[in-house]
Protein backbone atom coordinates (compact mmCIF):
# COMPACT_ATOMS: atom_id res chain seq x y z
CA MET A 1 114.73 100.67 -10.80
CA ASP A 2 114.65 102.33 -14.44
CA ARG A 3 112.17 104.65 -13.72
CA LYS A 4 112.46 108.18 -13.83
CA LEU A 5 111.25 111.11 -12.22
CA PRO A 6 109.42 112.89 -14.79
CA ASP A 7 109.92 116.77 -15.40
CA MET A 8 107.75 118.56 -13.19
CA ASP A 9 105.84 121.97 -14.00
CA ILE A 10 105.74 123.91 -10.93
CA THR A 11 104.87 127.07 -12.29
CA GLY A 12 102.59 129.13 -10.04
CA TRP A 13 103.15 126.32 -7.04
CA VAL A 14 103.68 128.43 -3.26
CA CYS A 15 105.08 126.79 -0.36
CA GLN A 16 101.76 126.26 2.35
CA LYS A 17 103.90 127.18 5.17
CA CYS A 18 105.28 130.54 3.78
CA GLN A 19 103.43 131.55 0.34
CA SER A 20 107.02 131.76 -1.56
CA PRO A 21 107.02 130.37 -4.80
CA LEU A 22 108.85 126.79 -5.07
CA THR A 23 111.33 126.11 -7.38
CA ILE A 24 113.66 123.23 -8.41
CA TYR A 25 117.02 122.51 -6.32
CA GLN A 26 118.84 119.71 -5.39
CA VAL A 27 118.78 117.82 -1.94
CA ARG A 28 120.87 114.96 -0.39
CA VAL A 29 118.34 112.20 0.92
CA THR A 30 119.54 109.57 3.44
CA TYR A 31 118.16 106.43 4.15
CA MET A 32 119.46 103.50 6.57
CA GLY A 33 122.87 105.05 5.73
CA ALA A 34 123.14 105.53 2.33
CA SER A 35 123.11 108.87 0.26
CA PHE A 36 122.11 110.30 -2.88
CA GLU A 37 121.37 113.55 -4.58
CA VAL A 38 118.21 114.07 -6.55
CA GLU A 39 116.61 117.24 -8.01
CA LEU A 40 113.24 117.64 -5.85
CA PRO A 41 110.81 120.93 -5.53
CA GLY A 42 111.02 123.09 -2.81
CA CYS A 43 110.86 126.49 -0.66
CA ALA A 44 113.89 128.51 -1.14
CA GLN A 45 112.74 130.83 1.98
CA CYS A 46 111.89 128.20 4.50
CA GLY A 47 113.40 125.01 3.55
CA THR A 48 110.64 122.72 3.41
CA THR A 49 111.15 120.21 0.45
CA MET A 50 108.27 118.60 -1.58
CA ILE A 51 108.70 115.17 -2.48
CA PRO A 52 106.13 114.53 -5.62
CA LYS A 53 103.86 110.90 -4.90
CA ILE A 54 105.54 109.06 -7.80
CA LEU A 55 108.68 109.33 -6.10
CA ALA A 56 107.84 108.75 -3.03
CA PHE A 57 105.85 105.61 -3.81
CA GLY A 58 107.17 104.28 -6.66
CA LYS A 59 111.18 104.65 -6.83
CA MET A 60 111.79 105.67 -2.78
CA LEU A 61 109.77 102.55 -2.56
CA ASP A 62 111.90 100.42 -4.79
CA VAL A 63 115.17 101.72 -2.97
CA GLU A 64 113.57 101.38 0.73
CA LYS A 65 113.09 97.71 -0.47
CA ILE A 66 116.59 97.40 -1.83
CA LEU A 67 118.33 98.77 1.47
CA GLU A 68 116.15 96.90 3.91
CA ASP A 69 117.04 93.78 2.13
CA LYS A 70 120.85 93.91 2.27
């Protein structure tokens, strides 16, 4: 799992739910009892977090496979 999440330019991106600008903030992700911190774009107003496709289908998929194999 040596892939890194590329820097994201979220300039001009807004939350679909409340139309507030997105910001990058640290989020705790938990899966099958394992927790880790990642920086993700999200809405400071409503708390909605966006998980980029590269993370969901790349790095997270790798972590999921490793945890399920244990």
